[in-house]
Structure formats: C-alpha cells, structure tokens
C-alpha cells in the first residue's frame, strides 16, 4: 500500500484522537513499515522535561463496560454475559468484529490504522504451520484455531449478521477471517488496565449523599472529527490502594507502542489528573533521561519467550534472554493411566504442577547446574522432612535435591503420576495413621507431599522426566526435515529477501525453531 494512503489514514486518526481528548505532547505517530505498521516516535521538539509523551482519556478505551453499554451490541451481549456463555475477552473481540464491518462505525479512523493481517501462527499458510510441527506452539495453534472456528459458527456468524441487518446493512457479510482479525487485534494490543473504582462504577448523588461525581460512565461511541464534543477536565476523587479494578482493554494511541528489550517508556493510569492534567486518563511516560528526536519510543510487553511472542504478536527476537524450555505432562493423558482417580486426588491435595517453564539462563549448565538452583530454592514447599510419625524420615534426601533445575512443584506432580499400586497403598496407610492420631483432622499439603516422597522417592519421577524429554526431542527431530530440505528452505528465504513480509515470516519460523531446538 502506498505511503500516501498510510498518511491519509494517519491524518484521519490524529483528528479523531484530538477530537476525543487525546494529546500528543512529546511524540508523533508515524508509519514505520509493512511489518511493524505504525509506531510512536519522539518529536524533534521533545525536551528533557517532557516526561509525559501522550495522553488518552480512558473514555476512549475499548473495555467490556463499553461493549455492554453499546446500544446495538450491548443488549445481546448482556444476555450472553448473564447466562455465563461468554467472557470479557469475547465481548471485546465480538465488538471489534462488528465495528470493522459497520459502514458508519465511529471507530473507523482507529480501526483503519490497524493491520489487516498478522504474523502469528493462526495466519500461517498450511506449509508454514508445518514448520512448527513437533513444538508446543504447533499444538497450541491447532487447538486455538479449532476453538475459534467453533465460536464463530456457534455464536458470532449469526449474531453479527443479525446486528448488521438491524443497523441497516444487509450487504456486508461476516467471515471467519473477520473474527480471526478481531481476535488477533485483541491479543496483540490489549492491556491489563488498573481502572479507578469510581470510573468503572460511577456513583450518583443519591448513592453518596454528596455532589454528583464529575466522571460519567464511558460513552457508547467516540466522536468523529466532523462532530462536536465538549471536553471537561474537572477534579476527580483520588484513587486509593483499594480503589483499583483491573480490566483488560484497548487504548487507541497508546497501543501503537512497539516492544523492545530496552524500553524507553512505560504507561500509567492517572485517576485524578495529578500527572497528566487529564483526570481518568492513560499516559505514556518517558523513562529515558532524554528521548532522542525521531527515535522510536518503545515499551516492554513483558518477559516473554519467543514462542509466546510469536503466538501473541507475530514476531520473535534473536537471542531472546527470556526464552524458556517448557516441559509438561499432558493433562488429557491422566484419565488413561492406572489408578487415575486416586492420583488425581493426590495431585489436587499437593497442589502439584504438571508443567514447568525453565528460563534459558537457568539451562546454561544443563539440568544439573554447578550452583544451587534458584528456581528450586524459591519454589521449595517446606522440604524439612522432620516429623514424629512412624513412617517419616525413613528415606534419605538425595544429594541432587537442591541442584536439579526442575521445580519441586513439578517433581511432585511427576512423582504422583509415576506411582505404582503398592506405593499408592503405602501413602493411603500413612495418611490414615496421621488422621487417626489427630482425631479426623485432614493432612496438610506438606504432609501429603511427605507421604508421597516416603512411599516412592524420585525413581519413577526421574524416569518419567527422561521419557518426557526424549519424547520432546523425538517430535522435534521427526518434524524438522532432512538437512537437504532445511538448506532448500533457507535458499528460498534468500531468494525472497526482497519481499519484506515473506522474509519476515521465514525469519520468525526459523528463529523460533532454533530457539526451541
């Protein structure tokens, strides 16, 4: 798409943002490229004292409250929401799907700024997705696509068609790609916003016996640039520690910040206007001593590995320090193992985990690092095995106990899954002795863990762990292709180097593959 078209979109959006109370104070929004889309850049006039770079009123945020108050979509969503058929996230994804199709949507200047396609695996071609086969990401993508298809056919297609007709539009047709687009917009741009209680639940004069709150509930629609809106910045009650409600939502303008491992900005919510001078607003705050003019202003999306970055946002980072190895026992396999009911009860009683994430930094020296594992120390659940029961203290603690990188919660889960019949009976007898000695008082989480440890130790758990790791490696090797195929794919990637989007997808696939391997 020509740059001139992008500039026209940007001009319409900036007018819309300004009319709705947004303020660009020390930054500009500019088109970056076809891969990153729009970004936020420091303006040439930015001074060292310009800490607040961008301010957006919370009235402009797309939140579940706004969806429920929408005159067209709200009543239908209210019914589904009260019946427990949908959650907050689905409400916002449904709202985005509908607004993209509405001819006269008041959100059009904002929605036109968003990408039309995404780089996450849900948008991969059949050939591309096969490059992830054998990874956790492949399995997660397949499950998510099935779930989204089911949601679309069960709830979205009929409802959106009905609402478009009610809106006077019988020509627009909703498709699964519209719903997929809305899903990707939400997951790649939504923030977890700490909203003031008085903003989420505004109180009337009758409720408080005091003056009516100057903050009204979020309006059902923003104002377009050809309409008029009175912007009032009046005092609002201060937000105390107990007055915050965390709500997911999209904040137009703020959401154009891209991710960086060394962010130069962060966002904050201002309930009383003490920093931004705009009550009930979100502002972009510079954390750099002096933003470099024309340099992109980035934020951090959090400490995320490449699998999560690719799954949510459609990009990966070379040599990502936050990469991790995920090892898990499939929950769906539990019903088929011997004594599944008893083991399920023991897993619950111990609060055991069947999945662990091992940061890349922890694995620098393998599964048995030279120093004591920080993960294991921090997650250890009262490993002191001293107790007065007849069965306690019989099994010696192994020398590797504080060296193995796998967390105790995860090892507890594997011990339980690997238990043999006689070991289950031993644990049952141990816990019965404990209950009888305390007149029916149920054993604690730590005591159940102690009994399981005394009955079976780590032999079965370690063998199961080896099996899981071997299975993971075999899946990766089976689906990685031959060296000749890998060389051909890399050669094709070089041929396509002139095409930015194709090059970006191949890079994502290969970086993720190398990180996972």
Protein backbone atom coordinates (compact mmCIF):
# COMPACT_ATOMS: atom_id res chain seq x y z
CA UNK A 1 0.00 0.00 0.00
CA UNK A 2 1.37 3.44 -0.93
CA UNK A 3 2.76 5.66 1.79
CA UNK A 4 0.33 8.42 0.80
CA UNK A 5 -2.58 6.18 1.72
CA UNK A 6 -1.00 5.47 5.11
CA UNK A 7 -0.52 9.19 5.67
CA UNK A 8 -4.19 9.80 4.87
CA UNK A 9 -5.20 7.15 7.43
CA UNK A 10 -2.88 8.70 9.99
CA UNK A 11 -4.28 12.19 9.43
CA UNK A 12 -7.86 10.96 9.95
CA UNK A 13 -6.83 9.08 13.09
CA UNK A 14 -4.97 12.06 14.60
CA UNK A 15 -8.02 14.29 14.01
CA UNK A 16 -10.23 11.64 15.64
CA UNK A 17 -7.86 11.25 18.58
CA UNK A 18 -7.68 15.01 19.17
CA UNK A 19 -11.46 15.48 18.99
CA UNK A 20 -11.84 12.73 21.60
CA UNK A 21 -9.39 14.32 24.02
CA UNK A 22 -6.10 12.64 23.10
CA UNK A 23 -2.94 14.75 23.34
CA UNK A 24 0.43 14.14 21.65
CA UNK A 25 2.82 16.18 23.78
CA UNK A 26 6.32 14.90 23.09
CA UNK A 27 5.83 12.37 20.32
CA UNK A 28 4.48 11.70 16.86
CA UNK A 29 2.73 8.65 15.43
CA UNK A 30 4.31 7.60 12.16
CA UNK A 31 4.11 4.76 9.66
CA UNK A 32 7.15 2.55 10.11
CA UNK A 33 6.97 -0.26 7.53
CA UNK A 34 4.72 -3.07 6.33
CA UNK A 35 5.95 -5.36 9.11
CA UNK A 36 5.65 -3.09 12.15
CA UNK A 37 2.88 -0.84 10.88
CA UNK A 38 2.56 2.41 12.84
CA UNK A 39 4.77 3.32 15.77
CA UNK A 40 5.35 6.17 18.20
CA UNK A 41 8.44 8.36 17.75
CA UNK A 42 9.96 11.15 19.79
CA UNK A 43 9.23 14.53 18.25
CA UNK A 44 12.03 16.96 17.33
CA UNK A 45 10.72 19.40 19.94
CA UNK A 46 10.88 16.89 22.81
CA UNK A 47 12.64 18.35 25.83
CA UNK A 48 14.25 16.51 28.75
CA UNK A 49 11.45 17.82 30.95
CA UNK A 50 8.75 16.33 28.68
CA UNK A 51 8.15 13.16 30.67
CA UNK A 52 4.51 12.76 29.59
CA UNK A 53 4.59 12.00 25.87
CA UNK A 54 0.99 11.03 25.09
CA UNK A 55 -2.32 11.25 26.99
CA UNK A 56 -5.51 9.34 26.11
CA UNK A 57 -8.77 9.66 28.10
CA UNK A 58 -9.99 6.34 29.47
CA UNK A 59 -13.38 7.15 27.95
CA UNK A 60 -11.78 6.18 24.64
CA UNK A 61 -10.71 2.71 25.80
CA UNK A 62 -12.47 -0.37 24.41
CA UNK A 63 -13.42 -2.32 27.53
CA UNK A 64 -16.13 -4.84 28.46
CA UNK A 65 -18.10 -1.98 30.07
CA UNK A 66 -18.17 -0.10 26.80
CA UNK A 67 -19.37 -3.17 24.89
CA UNK A 68 -22.20 -3.78 27.38
CA UNK A 69 -23.26 -0.13 27.05
CA UNK A 70 -23.24 -0.14 23.25
CA UNK A 71 -26.83 0.49 22.03
CA UNK A 72 -26.58 -2.06 19.21
CA UNK A 73 -24.41 -4.85 20.62
CA UNK A 74 -24.89 -4.28 24.36
CA UNK A 75 -28.34 -5.89 24.87
CA UNK A 76 -27.32 -9.10 23.07
CA UNK A 77 -24.03 -9.30 24.96
CA UNK A 78 -25.76 -8.64 28.26
CA UNK A 79 -27.93 -11.72 27.77
CA UNK A 80 -24.99 -13.97 26.92
CA UNK A 81 -22.87 -12.49 29.70
CA UNK A 82 -25.53 -13.01 32.39
CA UNK A 83 -26.01 -16.60 31.25
CA UNK A 84 -22.28 -17.24 31.54
CA UNK A 85 -21.95 -18.07 27.85
CA UNK A 86 -19.13 -15.59 27.17
CA UNK A 87 -16.30 -13.83 28.98
CA UNK A 88 -14.92 -10.28 28.91
CA UNK A 89 -12.43 -11.02 26.15
CA UNK A 90 -15.03 -12.49 23.83
CA UNK A 91 -17.17 -9.37 24.28
CA UNK A 92 -14.37 -7.11 23.04
CA UNK A 93 -13.43 -9.44 20.17
CA UNK A 94 -17.09 -9.53 19.09
CA UNK A 95 -17.24 -5.72 19.31
CA UNK A 96 -14.17 -5.37 17.07
CA UNK A 97 -15.63 -7.84 14.55
CA UNK A 98 -18.86 -5.89 14.30
CA UNK A 99 -17.31 -2.42 14.21
CA UNK A 100 -14.97 -3.37 11.40
CA UNK A 101 -17.98 -4.30 9.25
CA UNK A 102 -20.25 -1.36 10.16
CA UNK A 103 -20.30 1.17 7.33
CA UNK A 104 -20.66 4.21 9.57
CA UNK A 105 -18.67 3.00 12.56
CA UNK A 106 -17.48 5.85 14.75
CA UNK A 107 -14.36 3.74 15.37
CA UNK A 108 -13.36 3.65 11.68
CA UNK A 109 -10.43 6.14 11.95
CA UNK A 110 -8.87 3.91 14.62
CA UNK A 111 -9.68 0.55 13.04
CA UNK A 112 -8.28 1.67 9.66
CA UNK A 113 -4.90 2.18 11.36
CA UNK A 114 -4.68 -1.46 12.45
CA UNK A 115 -3.02 -4.22 10.42
CA UNK A 116 -5.30 -6.23 8.12
CA UNK A 117 -3.21 -9.36 8.52
CA UNK A 118 -0.95 -10.65 11.29
CA UNK A 119 2.25 -12.65 11.62
CA UNK A 120 1.09 -15.01 14.38
CA UNK A 121 0.72 -18.75 13.56
CA UNK A 122 -3.08 -18.51 13.25
CA UNK A 123 -2.41 -16.70 9.96
CA UNK A 124 0.28 -19.08 8.67
CA UNK A 125 -0.25 -20.99 5.45
CA UNK A 126 -0.56 -24.77 5.63
CA UNK A 127 3.07 -25.13 4.56
CA UNK A 128 4.34 -22.57 7.08
CA UNK A 129 2.50 -24.08 10.04
CA UNK A 130 4.11 -27.46 9.31
CA UNK A 131 7.48 -25.86 10.13
CA UNK A 132 6.31 -25.65 13.76
CA UNK A 133 5.20 -29.28 13.95
CA UNK A 134 6.60 -31.04 16.99
CA UNK A 135 6.64 -27.87 19.10
CA UNK A 136 4.26 -26.73 21.83
CA UNK A 137 3.38 -23.78 19.60
CA UNK A 138 2.08 -26.06 16.85
CA UNK A 139 -0.23 -27.88 19.25
CA UNK A 140 -1.45 -24.62 20.84
CA UNK A 141 -2.18 -23.10 17.42
CA UNK A 142 -4.16 -26.11 16.24
CA UNK A 143 -6.28 -26.12 19.40
CA UNK A 144 -6.88 -22.36 19.27
CA UNK A 145 -7.94 -22.41 15.63
CA UNK A 146 -10.46 -25.17 16.32
CA UNK A 147 -11.81 -23.23 19.29
CA UNK A 148 -12.14 -20.03 17.26
CA UNK A 149 -13.88 -21.84 14.39
CA UNK A 150 -16.35 -23.34 16.85
CA UNK A 151 -17.02 -19.94 18.47
CA UNK A 152 -17.51 -18.33 15.09
CA UNK A 153 -20.05 -20.86 13.86
CA UNK A 154 -21.85 -21.25 17.21
CA UNK A 155 -22.13 -17.61 18.27
CA UNK A 156 -20.51 -15.00 16.05
CA UNK A 157 -21.75 -15.60 12.49
CA UNK A 158 -25.49 -15.48 13.17
CA UNK A 159 -25.30 -12.69 15.77
CA UNK A 160 -23.14 -10.31 13.72
CA UNK A 161 -25.29 -10.89 10.62
CA UNK A 162 -28.40 -10.10 12.67
CA UNK A 163 -26.87 -6.91 14.13
CA UNK A 164 -25.70 -5.66 10.73
CA UNK A 165 -29.24 -6.01 9.40
CA UNK A 166 -30.58 -4.14 12.44
CA UNK A 167 -28.01 -1.45 11.68
CA UNK A 168 -29.44 -1.09 8.17
CA UNK A 169 -26.70 -3.01 6.40
CA UNK A 170 -27.90 -6.11 4.57
CA UNK A 171 -24.95 -6.25 2.14
CA UNK A 172 -21.91 -6.69 4.42
CA UNK A 173 -21.07 -10.33 5.10
CA UNK A 174 -19.15 -11.52 8.10
CA UNK A 175 -16.49 -14.19 7.60
CA UNK A 176 -14.24 -16.24 9.84
CA UNK A 177 -11.33 -14.05 8.77
CA UNK A 178 -13.09 -11.00 10.25
CA UNK A 179 -13.37 -12.82 13.58
CA UNK A 180 -9.78 -14.06 13.34
CA UNK A 181 -8.66 -10.48 12.68
CA UNK A 182 -10.52 -9.21 15.75
CA UNK A 183 -9.03 -11.97 17.88
CA UNK A 184 -5.52 -11.04 16.74
CA UNK A 185 -6.15 -7.33 17.32
CA UNK A 186 -7.24 -8.01 20.89
CA UNK A 187 -4.43 -10.37 21.86
CA UNK A 188 -1.69 -8.24 20.28
CA UNK A 189 -2.90 -4.85 21.61
CA UNK A 190 -4.91 -5.29 24.82
CA UNK A 191 -3.54 -4.02 28.13
CA UNK A 192 -4.41 -5.01 31.69
CA UNK A 193 -5.58 -1.61 32.93
CA UNK A 194 -5.84 -0.63 36.62
CA UNK A 195 -9.03 1.44 36.44
CA UNK A 196 -10.22 3.59 39.35
CA UNK A 197 -13.28 2.07 41.04
CA UNK A 198 -15.15 5.36 40.59
CA UNK A 199 -14.58 5.17 36.82
CA UNK A 200 -15.88 1.61 36.49
CA UNK A 201 -18.79 2.15 38.91
CA UNK A 202 -19.64 5.87 38.89
CA UNK A 203 -21.83 6.85 41.85
CA UNK A 204 -24.77 9.19 41.65
CA UNK A 205 -25.65 11.89 44.13
CA UNK A 206 -28.38 9.66 45.59
CA UNK A 207 -25.87 6.89 46.27
CA UNK A 208 -23.31 9.03 48.06
CA UNK A 209 -25.32 11.84 49.56
CA UNK A 210 -22.65 14.18 48.19
CA UNK A 211 -22.09 16.06 44.99
CA UNK A 212 -22.53 14.07 41.81
CA UNK A 213 -19.26 12.62 40.54
CA UNK A 214 -17.84 14.61 37.66
CA UNK A 215 -16.88 11.37 35.96
CA UNK A 216 -19.56 9.87 33.80
CA UNK A 217 -19.58 6.29 32.63
CA UNK A 218 -17.75 5.59 29.34
CA UNK A 219 -19.72 6.86 26.39
CA UNK A 220 -21.07 4.33 23.98
CA UNK A 221 -19.29 5.83 20.97
CA UNK A 222 -16.38 8.19 20.34
CA UNK A 223 -16.84 11.38 18.38
CA UNK A 224 -15.73 11.71 14.77
CA UNK A 225 -13.79 14.77 13.67
CA UNK A 226 -16.82 16.34 11.99
CA UNK A 227 -18.82 16.27 15.21
CA UNK A 228 -18.50 18.33 18.36
CA UNK A 229 -17.75 17.14 21.85
CA UNK A 230 -17.32 19.16 24.99
CA UNK A 231 -14.17 18.03 26.79
CA UNK A 232 -14.29 18.69 30.51
CA UNK A 233 -11.30 18.16 32.78
CA UNK A 234 -12.82 18.51 36.22
CA UNK A 235 -11.48 17.29 39.56
CA UNK A 236 -11.98 13.61 40.31
CA UNK A 237 -11.62 11.72 43.59
CA UNK A 238 -8.12 10.40 44.29
CA UNK A 239 -7.52 6.72 43.73
CA UNK A 240 -6.52 4.78 46.83
CA UNK A 241 -4.91 1.35 47.00
CA UNK A 242 -8.28 -0.31 47.48
CA UNK A 243 -9.97 1.62 44.68
CA UNK A 244 -8.46 -0.17 41.70
CA UNK A 245 -10.16 -2.68 39.41
CA UNK A 246 -8.04 -4.43 36.80
CA UNK A 247 -9.78 -4.55 33.43
CA UNK A 248 -8.44 -5.68 30.06
CA UNK A 249 -8.95 -3.28 27.20
CA UNK A 250 -7.55 -1.47 24.17
CA UNK A 251 -6.40 2.15 24.42
CA UNK A 252 -6.17 3.78 20.96
CA UNK A 253 -2.88 5.64 20.57
CA UNK A 254 -1.04 4.01 23.45
CA UNK A 255 -1.35 0.66 21.65
CA UNK A 256 0.91 1.84 18.80
CA UNK A 257 3.95 1.43 21.05
CA UNK A 258 6.13 -1.45 19.88
CA UNK A 259 8.14 -3.82 22.07
CA UNK A 260 11.84 -3.60 22.91
CA UNK A 261 14.11 -5.38 25.37
CA UNK A 262 15.34 -1.93 26.42
CA UNK A 263 12.15 0.15 26.57
CA UNK A 264 12.34 3.92 26.81
CA UNK A 265 8.77 4.44 28.05
CA UNK A 266 6.01 2.94 30.14
CA UNK A 267 2.33 3.69 30.56
CA UNK A 268 0.44 4.70 33.69
CA UNK A 269 -3.17 5.46 34.65
CA UNK A 270 -3.96 8.86 36.18
CA UNK A 271 -7.19 8.82 38.18
CA UNK A 272 -7.10 12.43 39.36
CA UNK A 273 -5.04 14.20 36.69
CA UNK A 274 -2.13 14.92 39.03
CA UNK A 275 0.50 13.94 36.41
CA UNK A 276 -1.20 14.16 33.01
CA UNK A 277 -3.55 17.04 33.94
CA UNK A 278 -6.37 14.90 32.47
CA UNK A 279 -8.47 13.01 35.08
CA UNK A 280 -9.26 9.39 34.25
CA UNK A 281 -6.60 9.07 31.57
CA UNK A 282 -3.75 6.83 30.50
CA UNK A 283 -0.45 8.48 29.67
CA UNK A 284 2.82 7.41 28.10
CA UNK A 285 5.71 8.24 30.41
CA UNK A 286 9.32 8.56 29.26
CA UNK A 287 11.82 6.63 31.37
CA UNK A 288 14.82 7.81 29.34
CA UNK A 289 16.84 10.79 30.51
CA UNK A 290 16.29 12.46 27.17
CA UNK A 291 14.35 10.87 24.29
CA UNK A 292 16.31 11.03 21.03
CA UNK A 293 14.34 13.05 18.45
CA UNK A 294 12.76 10.92 15.70
CA UNK A 295 13.78 7.71 17.51
CA UNK A 296 11.02 5.17 18.10
CA UNK A 297 9.54 5.12 21.60
CA UNK A 298 9.21 1.53 22.77
CA UNK A 299 7.68 -0.17 25.78
CA UNK A 300 8.09 -3.67 27.18
CA UNK A 301 5.42 -6.31 26.58
CA UNK A 302 6.87 -8.29 29.49
CA UNK A 303 9.47 -11.02 29.88
CA UNK A 304 8.23 -13.32 27.13
CA UNK A 305 9.96 -16.14 25.30
CA UNK A 306 9.92 -16.39 21.52
CA UNK A 307 7.13 -18.98 21.48
CA UNK A 308 4.84 -16.57 23.35
CA UNK A 309 5.93 -13.55 21.30
CA UNK A 310 5.25 -15.38 18.04
CA UNK A 311 1.94 -16.79 19.28
CA UNK A 312 0.57 -13.46 20.53
CA UNK A 313 2.30 -10.77 18.49
CA UNK A 314 3.71 -12.46 15.39
CA UNK A 315 7.41 -11.70 15.88
CA UNK A 316 10.47 -13.17 17.57
CA UNK A 317 13.71 -11.75 18.99
CA UNK A 318 17.17 -13.03 18.11
CA UNK A 319 18.99 -14.34 21.20
CA UNK A 320 15.99 -13.60 23.38
CA UNK A 321 17.20 -13.67 27.02
CA UNK A 322 13.67 -14.52 28.18
CA UNK A 323 13.41 -17.73 26.18
CA UNK A 324 12.49 -20.84 28.11
CA UNK A 325 12.06 -24.57 27.79
CA UNK A 326 8.60 -25.86 28.64
CA UNK A 327 8.30 -29.43 29.89
CA UNK A 328 4.86 -30.78 30.65
CA UNK A 329 2.90 -33.94 31.24
CA UNK A 330 -0.30 -33.84 29.13
CA UNK A 331 -3.33 -33.43 31.37
CA UNK A 332 -5.50 -35.20 28.81
CA UNK A 333 -3.46 -38.38 29.38
CA UNK A 334 -4.33 -38.66 33.10
CA UNK A 335 -7.69 -40.48 32.67
CA UNK A 336 -5.92 -43.31 30.83
CA UNK A 337 -3.23 -44.03 33.45
CA UNK A 338 -3.67 -46.71 36.16
CA UNK A 339 -5.41 -45.51 39.34
CA UNK A 340 -6.17 -42.15 37.72
CA UNK A 341 -8.82 -41.21 40.29
CA UNK A 342 -6.51 -41.76 43.27
CA UNK A 343 -3.64 -39.96 41.57
CA UNK A 344 -5.91 -37.07 40.63
CA UNK A 345 -6.92 -36.64 44.27
CA UNK A 346 -3.28 -36.73 45.39
CA UNK A 347 -2.30 -34.17 42.74
CA UNK A 348 -5.01 -31.85 44.00
CA UNK A 349 -4.12 -32.36 47.67
CA UNK A 350 -0.48 -31.46 46.97
CA UNK A 351 -1.19 -28.54 44.62
CA UNK A 352 1.20 -30.27 42.25
CA UNK A 353 2.06 -28.89 38.81
CA UNK A 354 2.32 -30.86 35.58
CA UNK A 355 4.11 -28.11 33.66
CA UNK A 356 7.28 -26.13 34.25
CA UNK A 357 8.99 -23.31 32.39
CA UNK A 358 12.78 -23.32 32.60
CA UNK A 359 14.35 -19.95 31.67
CA UNK A 360 17.16 -20.03 29.15
CA UNK A 361 19.58 -18.59 31.72
CA UNK A 362 18.95 -21.49 34.12
CA UNK A 363 19.89 -24.06 31.48
CA UNK A 364 23.33 -22.65 30.68
CA UNK A 365 24.90 -25.61 32.50
CA UNK A 366 22.26 -28.23 31.74
CA UNK A 367 19.71 -29.76 34.10
CA UNK A 368 22.28 -30.03 36.93
CA UNK A 369 23.93 -26.59 37.20
CA UNK A 370 27.12 -26.06 39.16
CA UNK A 371 25.33 -23.89 41.72
CA UNK A 372 22.13 -24.44 43.65
CA UNK A 373 19.06 -23.82 41.54
CA UNK A 374 17.37 -20.52 42.39
CA UNK A 375 14.11 -21.84 40.93
CA UNK A 376 14.14 -24.89 43.15
CA UNK A 377 15.02 -22.91 46.27
CA UNK A 378 12.29 -20.34 45.70
CA UNK A 379 9.60 -22.88 44.90
CA UNK A 380 10.53 -25.46 47.55
CA UNK A 381 7.49 -26.35 49.68
CA UNK A 382 8.78 -26.80 53.23
CA UNK A 383 11.17 -29.61 52.44
CA UNK A 384 12.03 -30.22 56.08
CA UNK A 385 11.01 -33.87 56.49
CA UNK A 386 11.24 -33.97 60.27
CA UNK A 387 8.06 -35.39 61.80
CA UNK A 388 7.05 -37.69 64.65
CA UNK A 389 5.08 -40.16 62.56
CA UNK A 390 6.34 -43.74 62.39
CA UNK A 391 6.79 -43.52 58.64
CA UNK A 392 8.65 -40.21 58.42
CA UNK A 393 12.36 -39.73 57.85
CA UNK A 394 12.98 -43.27 56.54
CA UNK A 395 14.02 -42.16 53.03
CA UNK A 396 17.28 -40.21 52.78
CA UNK A 397 17.37 -36.93 50.92
CA UNK A 398 19.36 -37.25 47.64
CA UNK A 399 22.41 -35.06 47.06
CA UNK A 400 20.87 -33.58 43.91
CA UNK A 401 17.77 -32.28 45.72
CA UNK A 402 18.87 -28.63 45.67
CA UNK A 403 20.75 -28.84 42.37
CA UNK A 404 18.17 -30.11 39.91
CA UNK A 405 16.68 -27.20 37.93
CA UNK A 406 13.16 -28.66 37.82
CA UNK A 407 10.88 -27.00 40.43
CA UNK A 408 9.66 -29.06 43.38
CA UNK A 409 6.01 -28.48 42.42
CA UNK A 410 6.68 -30.12 39.04
CA UNK A 411 8.66 -33.01 40.52
CA UNK A 412 5.81 -33.58 42.99
CA UNK A 413 3.43 -33.95 40.06
CA UNK A 414 5.70 -36.44 38.30
CA UNK A 415 6.17 -38.49 41.48
CA UNK A 416 2.43 -38.81 41.80
CA UNK A 417 1.84 -39.72 38.13
CA UNK A 418 4.57 -42.39 38.27
CA UNK A 419 3.33 -44.07 41.48
CA UNK A 420 2.84 -47.84 41.42
CA UNK A 421 -0.07 -49.69 43.03
CA UNK A 422 1.79 -50.68 46.20
CA UNK A 423 3.08 -47.10 46.60
CA UNK A 424 -0.46 -45.72 46.47
CA UNK A 425 -1.49 -48.17 49.22
CA UNK A 426 1.53 -47.08 51.30
CA UNK A 427 0.57 -43.42 51.00
CA UNK A 428 -3.02 -44.23 51.93
CA UNK A 429 -1.89 -46.12 55.06
CA UNK A 430 0.47 -43.30 56.08
CA UNK A 431 -2.22 -40.65 55.78
CA UNK A 432 -4.74 -42.82 57.65
CA UNK A 433 -2.30 -43.08 60.57
CA UNK A 434 -1.90 -39.33 60.54
CA UNK A 435 -5.67 -38.67 60.51
CA UNK A 436 -6.34 -41.15 63.32
CA UNK A 437 -3.68 -39.58 65.53
CA UNK A 438 -5.33 -36.16 65.20
CA UNK A 439 -8.98 -37.13 65.61
CA UNK A 440 -10.00 -36.75 61.99
CA UNK A 441 -8.06 -33.61 61.07
CA UNK A 442 -7.15 -33.79 57.39
CA UNK A 443 -3.47 -33.83 56.40
CA UNK A 444 -1.91 -30.65 55.06
CA UNK A 445 -0.41 -30.19 51.61
CA UNK A 446 3.11 -30.60 53.02
CA UNK A 447 2.19 -33.78 54.89
CA UNK A 448 0.71 -35.39 51.77
CA UNK A 449 3.89 -34.49 49.88
CA UNK A 450 5.97 -36.06 52.66
CA UNK A 451 3.95 -39.27 52.47
CA UNK A 452 4.31 -39.50 48.68
CA UNK A 453 8.05 -38.88 48.98
CA UNK A 454 8.49 -41.54 51.66
CA UNK A 455 6.50 -44.06 49.62
CA UNK A 456 8.14 -43.71 46.23
CA UNK A 457 11.07 -41.27 46.20
CA UNK A 458 12.23 -39.91 42.85
CA UNK A 459 13.00 -43.06 40.87
CA UNK A 460 9.72 -43.16 38.96
CA UNK A 461 9.58 -39.37 38.62
CA UNK A 462 13.05 -39.14 37.09
CA UNK A 463 12.32 -41.95 34.63
CA UNK A 464 9.08 -40.21 33.62
CA UNK A 465 11.03 -36.95 33.21
CA UNK A 466 13.56 -38.67 30.92
CA UNK A 467 10.67 -40.12 28.88
CA UNK A 468 9.08 -36.67 28.51
CA UNK A 469 12.36 -35.09 27.38
CA UNK A 470 13.04 -37.92 24.93
CA UNK A 471 9.53 -37.62 23.53
CA UNK A 472 10.01 -33.87 23.07
CA UNK A 473 13.29 -34.37 21.21
CA UNK A 474 11.84 -37.12 19.00
CA UNK A 475 8.91 -34.92 17.96
CA UNK A 476 11.26 -32.09 17.03
CA UNK A 477 13.57 -34.41 15.09
CA UNK A 478 10.72 -36.15 13.29
CA UNK A 479 9.29 -32.88 12.03
CA UNK A 480 12.43 -30.87 11.38
CA UNK A 481 13.04 -32.41 7.92
CA UNK A 482 16.31 -33.52 6.36
CA UNK A 483 19.38 -31.31 6.07
CA UNK A 484 18.72 -31.04 2.33
CA UNK A 485 15.18 -29.78 2.98
CA UNK A 486 16.46 -27.28 5.55
CA UNK A 487 19.07 -25.99 3.09
CA UNK A 488 16.42 -25.63 0.37
CA UNK A 489 14.13 -23.65 2.68
CA UNK A 490 16.96 -21.31 3.65
CA UNK A 491 17.87 -20.84 -0.01
CA UNK A 492 14.25 -19.99 -0.83
CA UNK A 493 14.25 -17.50 2.03
CA UNK A 494 17.26 -15.73 0.48
CA UNK A 495 15.54 -15.59 -2.91
CA UNK A 496 12.52 -13.93 -1.31
CA UNK A 497 14.68 -11.41 0.54
CA UNK A 498 13.36 -8.50 -1.47
CA UNK A 499 9.83 -9.18 -0.26
CA UNK A 500 9.65 -7.83 3.30
CA UNK A 501 6.64 -9.74 4.53
CA UNK A 502 7.78 -13.12 3.20
CA UNK A 503 11.25 -12.62 4.63
CA UNK A 504 9.75 -11.73 8.00
CA UNK A 505 7.61 -14.89 8.18
CA UNK A 506 10.54 -17.18 7.29
CA UNK A 507 12.72 -15.47 9.88
CA UNK A 508 10.03 -15.95 12.51
CA UNK A 509 9.72 -19.63 11.73
CA UNK A 510 13.42 -20.35 11.75
CA UNK A 511 14.28 -18.27 14.79
CA UNK A 512 11.52 -19.95 16.75
CA UNK A 513 12.65 -23.40 15.53
CA UNK A 514 16.26 -22.77 16.53
CA UNK A 515 15.29 -21.39 19.94
CA UNK A 516 13.02 -24.36 20.66
CA UNK A 517 15.59 -26.90 19.44
